[in-house]
Amino acid sequence: MFLSIDHLPHVLKFKAALKKVSAVLLLPGIVLGLFALNAKAQSTFANDVAFPIKPIHLVVPFPAGGALDMVARIIAQPLGERLGKPVWIENRPGADGAIAADYVAKSAPDGYTLLMATYGAMSALPSLHKSLPYDVVKDFTPITNTGKFDFFLFTHASVPAHQLSEFFAYVKTHPGEINYGTGNVGGIVGTAELSNLHQLHMVHIPYKGEVPLMNDLLSGRIQMMIGTPANALEFVKAGKLNALVAFADQRSLLLPHVPTMAELGYKSLSTVAWSGVFGPANTPAPIAFKISRNINEIMLGAHVRQELDKQGFEAKGSTPAELGLYLKEQLRSWSASIELAGLSSD
């Protein structure tokens, strides 16, 4: 049986009638079948919806040149080509992504303003700040998961440690002498968790993104950071930085000589540096389905995957519904990690 969008009013009437006969033993199976048909109808309608008719703005919550910005640009160009209208990157950095998230949450729910969101604004900040100007569940429409970043612990070449155990030993014998920088909430929570687990006393210097942070790491103003490999890779290869450990399930293809926490016998960070695309709440389902389907198909392409691999980004798509469930799961996970790191909410 094929269900077109024209049949939906009849389906809704039928579902209402079913509520009146809920004692029927076959009701659960019938309702499940209706939901499946509704999903198929939405997906079919998404193929034909007249969208877009003008450029789309993909809002990135970090400065241009950063890891997330690069991932957004890799996806945006082919997405624009597939949809027939350009996808423009709009950088709105600040407040660990809260500024960009708030901007998108308050935008028109028409699919033309999207958020290239990260774990920061969508799963960490809600546990760190009680007075966020947006609600991550109520104020957004999930569109698709895009994947996750691998994080590494990088040190300046002047630090006399080439293994993680040596770094821990050096910090413990030189308390307060190591400055570490963070360019996002992942770095903040990750370093705090690591410090709590291994009794490390270091000085925290926050930055508005990893690009300015990398400049000070290279100059030696700070000596350590936990972050993504994209901007650090060439300097590790040149011997200006050391990569001591990967916070990942397996070794990275970018830095295959760097062991994982598990390989070294340590517990890895309990957080996931995930990313996904969201629209404002009440974005029409056919539009969300259309954007989701196209991004997922783009990430299946060999060229796009190669470019994402260069950023240390593991591509992973999803349906809008799957991203919604994943968001709630990550809210719980990051809340537990923040508690483990000893960070208090304001």
Protein backbone atom coordinates (compact mmCIF):
# COMPACT_ATOMS: atom_id res chain seq x y z
CA MET A 1 0.00 0.00 0.00
CA PHE A 2 1.36 3.49 -0.88
CA LEU A 3 0.32 6.42 1.29
CA SER A 4 0.60 9.87 -0.28
CA ILE A 5 0.39 13.19 1.54
CA ASP A 6 -3.19 13.54 0.29
CA HIS A 7 -4.20 10.63 2.47
CA LEU A 8 -2.96 12.15 5.74
CA PRO A 9 -6.31 13.77 6.73
CA HIS A 10 -7.96 10.37 6.41
CA VAL A 11 -5.19 8.79 8.45
CA LEU A 12 -5.69 11.35 11.22
CA LYS A 13 -9.44 10.64 11.26
CA PHE A 14 -8.74 6.92 11.38
CA LYS A 15 -6.32 7.35 14.29
CA ALA A 16 -8.95 9.35 16.19
CA ALA A 17 -11.47 6.57 15.62
CA LEU A 18 -8.98 4.00 16.89
CA LYS A 19 -8.75 5.81 20.22
CA LYS A 20 -12.45 5.15 20.74
CA VAL A 21 -11.99 1.40 20.32
CA SER A 22 -8.78 1.00 22.33
CA ALA A 23 -10.02 -2.27 23.80
CA VAL A 24 -9.46 -4.02 20.49
CA LEU A 25 -6.64 -6.54 20.91
CA LEU A 26 -5.04 -5.71 17.56
CA LEU A 27 -4.80 -1.99 18.31
CA PRO A 28 -1.04 -1.84 19.12
CA GLY A 29 -0.13 -3.44 15.81
CA ILE A 30 -2.50 -1.19 13.86
CA VAL A 31 -1.12 1.98 15.48
CA LEU A 32 2.48 0.95 14.80
CA GLY A 33 1.57 0.37 11.18
CA LEU A 34 0.02 3.82 10.93
CA PHE A 35 3.15 5.46 12.36
CA ALA A 36 5.27 3.65 9.79
CA LEU A 37 2.99 4.81 6.98
CA ASN A 38 3.05 8.38 8.30
CA ALA A 39 6.87 8.35 8.31
CA LYS A 40 6.89 7.06 4.73
CA ALA A 41 4.46 9.80 3.71
CA GLN A 42 6.61 12.50 5.31
CA SER A 43 9.72 11.19 3.59
CA THR A 44 7.91 11.07 0.24
CA PHE A 45 6.62 14.61 0.71
CA ALA A 46 10.15 15.77 1.56
CA ASN A 47 11.24 14.79 -1.93
CA ASP A 48 8.75 17.19 -3.51
CA VAL A 49 8.67 20.11 -1.04
CA ALA A 50 9.54 23.44 -2.70
CA PHE A 51 12.64 24.09 -0.65
CA PRO A 52 14.92 25.97 -0.86
CA ILE A 53 14.04 29.01 -2.92
CA LYS A 54 16.85 31.18 -1.49
CA PRO A 55 20.27 30.71 0.17
CA ILE A 56 20.53 28.82 3.46
CA HIS A 57 22.58 30.15 6.39
CA LEU A 58 24.53 27.51 8.33
CA VAL A 59 25.54 29.13 11.61
CA VAL A 60 28.85 27.97 13.12
CA PRO A 61 29.45 28.79 16.81
CA PHE A 62 33.23 29.16 16.48
CA PRO A 63 35.62 31.40 14.51
CA ALA A 64 36.53 30.79 10.89
CA GLY A 65 39.42 28.37 10.43
CA GLY A 66 38.58 26.18 13.41
CA ALA A 67 37.85 22.46 13.22
CA LEU A 68 34.05 22.79 13.26
CA ASP A 69 34.16 25.62 10.73
CA MET A 70 36.16 23.42 8.36
CA VAL A 71 33.70 20.52 8.75
CA ALA A 72 30.77 22.86 8.09
CA ARG A 73 32.40 24.17 4.91
CA ILE A 74 33.15 20.65 3.66
CA ILE A 75 29.46 19.78 3.99
CA ALA A 76 28.02 23.16 2.92
CA GLN A 77 29.36 23.31 -0.63
CA PRO A 78 27.98 19.96 -1.88
CA LEU A 79 24.77 20.53 0.09
CA GLY A 80 24.20 23.77 -1.80
CA GLU A 81 24.90 22.04 -5.09
CA ARG A 82 22.38 19.28 -4.32
CA LEU A 83 19.67 21.68 -3.14
CA GLY A 84 20.20 24.17 -5.96
CA LYS A 85 20.83 27.15 -3.68
CA PRO A 86 24.05 28.18 -1.90
CA VAL A 87 24.64 27.32 1.75
CA TRP A 88 26.44 30.24 3.38
CA ILE A 89 28.58 29.79 6.49
CA GLU A 90 27.83 32.36 9.17
CA ASN A 91 30.33 32.42 12.07
CA ARG A 92 28.86 33.59 15.39
CA PRO A 93 31.47 32.68 18.01
CA GLY A 94 31.29 33.25 21.74
CA ALA A 95 30.06 31.78 25.02
CA ASP A 96 31.01 28.22 24.02
CA GLY A 97 28.38 28.19 21.29
CA ALA A 98 25.52 29.72 23.29
CA ILE A 99 25.45 32.91 21.19
CA ALA A 100 25.00 31.00 17.94
CA ALA A 101 22.50 28.58 19.48
CA ASP A 102 20.38 31.40 20.88
CA TYR A 103 20.45 33.19 17.51
CA VAL A 104 19.20 30.11 15.65
CA ALA A 105 16.60 29.29 18.30
CA LYS A 106 15.07 32.74 17.79
CA SER A 107 15.19 32.59 13.97
CA ALA A 108 12.25 31.87 11.69
CA PRO A 109 11.49 28.11 11.57
CA ASP A 110 11.62 27.89 7.78
CA GLY A 111 14.81 25.88 7.19
CA TYR A 112 16.87 28.86 6.03
CA THR A 113 18.76 29.33 9.31
CA LEU A 114 20.46 26.19 10.65
CA LEU A 115 22.88 25.55 13.49
CA MET A 116 26.04 23.48 13.05
CA ALA A 117 25.82 22.53 16.69
CA THR A 118 28.29 20.82 18.98
CA TYR A 119 28.20 19.00 22.28
CA GLY A 120 29.11 22.32 23.94
CA ALA A 121 26.00 24.39 23.41
CA MET A 122 23.66 21.40 23.19
CA SER A 123 24.76 18.99 25.94
CA ALA A 124 27.46 20.53 28.19
CA LEU A 125 26.28 24.10 28.75
CA PRO A 126 22.82 23.04 29.99
CA SER A 127 24.57 21.34 32.94
CA LEU A 128 27.02 24.20 33.52
CA HIS A 129 24.61 27.14 33.27
CA LYS A 130 21.14 27.28 34.76
CA SER A 131 20.20 30.50 32.95
CA LEU A 132 20.78 29.67 29.29
CA PRO A 133 18.59 31.78 26.97
CA TYR A 134 17.39 28.64 25.16
CA ASP A 135 16.13 25.14 25.90
CA VAL A 136 17.99 22.53 23.84
CA VAL A 137 14.99 20.20 23.65
CA LYS A 138 12.11 22.67 23.28
CA ASP A 139 13.71 25.38 21.13
CA PHE A 140 15.25 23.29 18.33
CA THR A 141 14.27 20.86 15.61
CA PRO A 142 16.81 18.02 15.26
CA ILE A 143 17.86 17.45 11.65
CA THR A 144 20.85 15.11 11.52
CA ASN A 145 23.83 13.90 13.47
CA THR A 146 27.03 14.65 11.54
CA GLY A 147 29.64 12.77 13.61
CA LYS A 148 32.29 13.36 16.25
CA PHE A 149 35.80 14.72 16.72
CA ASP A 150 38.72 12.87 18.21
CA PHE A 151 40.47 14.82 20.96
CA PHE A 152 44.20 14.69 21.74
CA LEU A 153 46.42 15.97 24.52
CA PHE A 154 49.02 18.28 22.95
CA THR A 155 52.04 19.82 24.68
CA HIS A 156 54.60 22.42 23.67
CA ALA A 157 57.93 20.91 22.64
CA SER A 158 59.61 22.57 25.63
CA VAL A 159 57.75 20.30 28.07
CA PRO A 160 60.18 17.47 28.93
CA ALA A 161 57.69 14.65 28.40
CA HIS A 162 57.13 12.42 25.40
CA GLN A 163 54.77 9.98 27.09
CA LEU A 164 51.61 10.59 29.10
CA SER A 165 53.08 9.05 32.27
CA GLU A 166 56.08 11.38 31.98
CA PHE A 167 53.75 14.36 31.61
CA PHE A 168 51.76 13.38 34.70
CA ALA A 169 54.99 12.99 36.68
CA TYR A 170 56.31 16.36 35.49
CA VAL A 171 53.10 18.23 36.41
CA LYS A 172 53.04 16.65 39.86
CA THR A 173 56.63 17.71 40.56
CA HIS A 174 56.01 21.21 39.12
CA PRO A 175 52.56 22.15 40.49
CA GLY A 176 51.14 25.38 39.10
CA GLU A 177 53.90 25.77 36.50
CA ILE A 178 52.01 24.36 33.51
CA ASN A 179 49.52 26.67 31.78
CA TYR A 180 46.82 24.89 29.82
CA GLY A 181 44.47 26.49 27.34
CA THR A 182 40.93 25.64 26.34
CA GLY A 183 39.10 26.78 23.23
CA ASN A 184 35.79 25.11 23.95
CA VAL A 185 33.81 23.54 26.75
CA GLY A 186 35.08 20.10 25.71
CA GLY A 187 38.60 21.17 26.57
CA ILE A 188 37.42 22.66 29.87
CA VAL A 189 35.52 19.57 31.00
CA GLY A 190 38.10 17.15 29.60
CA THR A 191 41.08 18.78 31.33
CA ALA A 192 39.17 19.18 34.60
CA GLU A 193 38.19 15.51 34.52
CA LEU A 194 41.77 14.47 33.75
CA SER A 195 43.11 16.72 36.52
CA ASN A 196 40.66 15.31 39.05
CA LEU A 197 41.43 11.71 38.17
CA HIS A 198 45.23 12.17 38.30
CA GLN A 199 45.61 14.98 40.87
CA LEU A 200 47.15 17.50 38.48
CA HIS A 201 47.51 21.15 39.44
CA MET A 202 47.73 23.40 36.36
CA VAL A 203 46.74 26.99 35.50
CA HIS A 204 43.72 27.43 33.21
CA ILE A 205 43.72 30.08 30.44
CA PRO A 206 40.49 30.18 28.38
CA TYR A 207 40.29 31.20 24.70
CA LYS A 208 37.50 31.89 22.22
CA GLY A 209 38.21 28.91 20.00
CA GLU A 210 41.16 26.71 19.13
CA VAL A 211 42.68 29.03 16.50
CA PRO A 212 43.86 31.74 18.95
CA LEU A 213 44.68 29.00 21.47
CA MET A 214 46.97 27.29 18.97
CA ASN A 215 48.93 30.50 18.44
CA ASP A 216 49.76 30.74 22.14
CA LEU A 217 50.54 27.03 22.39
CA LEU A 218 53.05 27.37 19.57
CA SER A 219 54.64 30.43 21.21
CA GLY A 220 54.96 28.61 24.54
CA ARG A 221 52.70 31.01 26.48
CA ILE A 222 50.68 27.93 27.34
CA GLN A 223 52.15 24.45 27.46
CA MET A 224 49.21 22.07 27.10
CA MET A 225 45.78 21.72 25.53
CA ILE A 226 43.16 19.07 24.88
CA GLY A 227 41.71 19.65 21.43
CA THR A 228 41.14 18.52 17.88
CA PRO A 229 44.05 17.61 15.59
CA ALA A 230 43.22 19.66 12.48
CA ASN A 231 45.17 22.81 13.40
CA ALA A 232 47.88 20.97 15.34
CA LEU A 233 48.78 18.25 12.84
CA GLU A 234 51.46 20.08 10.85
CA PHE A 235 53.15 21.33 14.02
CA VAL A 236 53.28 17.85 15.52
CA LYS A 237 54.94 16.60 12.35
CA ALA A 238 57.39 19.53 12.49
CA GLY A 239 58.35 18.73 16.08
CA LYS A 240 56.95 21.98 17.53
CA LEU A 241 54.22 20.16 19.45
CA ASN A 242 53.93 16.71 20.98
CA ALA A 243 50.77 14.61 20.85
CA LEU A 244 50.82 12.37 23.92
CA VAL A 245 47.50 10.55 23.81
CA ALA A 246 44.28 10.20 21.81
CA PHE A 247 40.91 10.28 23.55
CA ALA A 248 39.31 7.88 21.09
CA ASP A 249 38.23 4.28 20.68
CA GLN A 250 41.13 3.57 18.33
CA ARG A 251 44.22 5.28 16.95
CA SER A 252 43.67 8.13 14.54
CA LEU A 253 44.71 7.81 10.91
CA LEU A 254 46.05 11.37 11.19
CA LEU A 255 48.41 10.55 14.06
CA PRO A 256 48.77 6.76 14.01
CA HIS A 257 51.80 6.78 16.31
CA VAL A 258 49.77 8.31 19.17
CA PRO A 259 48.33 5.70 21.56
CA THR A 260 44.83 5.82 23.04
CA MET A 261 44.13 6.13 26.77
CA ALA A 262 43.03 2.49 26.85
CA GLU A 263 46.32 1.34 25.30
CA LEU A 264 48.20 3.15 28.07
CA GLY A 265 46.08 1.56 30.76
CA TYR A 266 44.10 4.69 31.65
CA LYS A 267 40.39 5.39 31.64
CA SER A 268 39.51 7.66 28.73
CA LEU A 269 37.41 10.79 28.98
CA SER A 270 33.75 9.97 29.44
CA THR A 271 32.54 12.61 26.99
CA VAL A 272 31.85 12.56 23.24
CA ALA A 273 32.76 15.59 21.09
CA TRP A 274 29.75 15.19 18.82
CA SER A 275 28.24 17.55 16.24
CA GLY A 276 24.87 17.81 14.53
CA VAL A 277 22.61 20.11 12.53
CA PHE A 278 19.54 21.69 14.12
CA GLY A 279 16.89 24.16 13.03
CA PRO A 280 14.62 26.34 15.16
CA ALA A 281 11.68 24.65 16.86
CA ASN A 282 8.72 24.00 14.56
CA THR A 283 10.80 23.72 11.41
CA PRO A 284 8.45 21.81 9.05
CA ALA A 285 9.12 18.08 9.07
CA PRO A 286 9.35 17.76 5.25
CA ILE A 287 12.09 20.41 5.20
CA ALA A 288 13.97 18.76 8.06
CA PHE A 289 13.72 15.39 6.28
CA LYS A 290 14.99 16.88 3.02
CA ILE A 291 18.03 18.55 4.61
CA SER A 292 18.79 15.44 6.69
CA ARG A 293 18.60 13.08 3.73
CA ASN A 294 20.88 15.24 1.59
CA ILE A 295 23.52 15.73 4.30
CA ASN A 296 23.56 11.99 5.01
CA GLU A 297 24.00 11.18 1.33
CA ILE A 298 26.78 13.78 1.02
CA MET A 299 28.71 12.19 3.88
CA LEU A 300 28.62 8.83 2.10
CA GLY A 301 30.77 10.25 -0.69
CA ALA A 302 34.42 9.17 -0.71
CA HIS A 303 35.78 12.69 -1.32
CA VAL A 304 33.77 14.25 1.52
CA ARG A 305 34.80 11.47 3.91
CA GLN A 306 38.46 11.98 2.99
CA GLU A 307 38.18 15.69 3.70
CA LEU A 308 36.41 15.07 7.01
CA ASP A 309 39.08 12.51 7.96
CA LYS A 310 41.70 15.24 7.53
CA GLN A 311 39.93 17.20 10.27
CA GLY A 312 39.96 14.25 12.66
CA PHE A 313 36.20 14.00 12.24
CA GLU A 314 34.34 10.69 12.12
CA ALA A 315 31.25 11.16 9.94
CA LYS A 316 27.97 9.70 11.15
CA GLY A 317 24.50 10.54 9.89
CA SER A 318 21.05 10.03 11.37
CA THR A 319 17.38 10.76 10.94
CA PRO A 320 15.88 13.77 12.77
CA ALA A 321 14.24 11.42 15.28
CA GLU A 322 17.51 9.59 15.97
CA LEU A 323 19.31 12.88 16.62
CA GLY A 324 16.55 13.88 19.04
CA LEU A 325 17.07 10.71 21.06
CA TYR A 326 20.86 11.08 20.90
CA LEU A 327 20.62 14.64 22.19
CA LYS A 328 18.77 13.49 25.32
CA GLU A 329 21.31 10.70 25.84
CA GLN A 330 24.20 13.16 25.58
CA LEU A 331 22.55 15.58 28.00
CA ARG A 332 22.64 12.84 30.64
CA SER A 333 26.19 11.78 29.73
CA TRP A 334 27.67 15.28 29.87
CA SER A 335 25.87 16.03 33.13
CA ALA A 336 27.57 12.99 34.70
CA SER A 337 30.96 13.98 33.22
CA ILE A 338 30.71 17.53 34.54
CA GLU A 339 29.95 16.17 37.99
CA LEU A 340 32.93 13.80 37.71
CA ALA A 341 35.14 16.73 36.69
CA GLY A 342 34.13 18.64 39.83
CA LEU A 343 32.71 21.59 37.90
CA SER A 344 29.78 23.39 39.48
CA SER A 345 26.90 25.04 37.65
CA ASP A 346 26.26 28.75 38.04
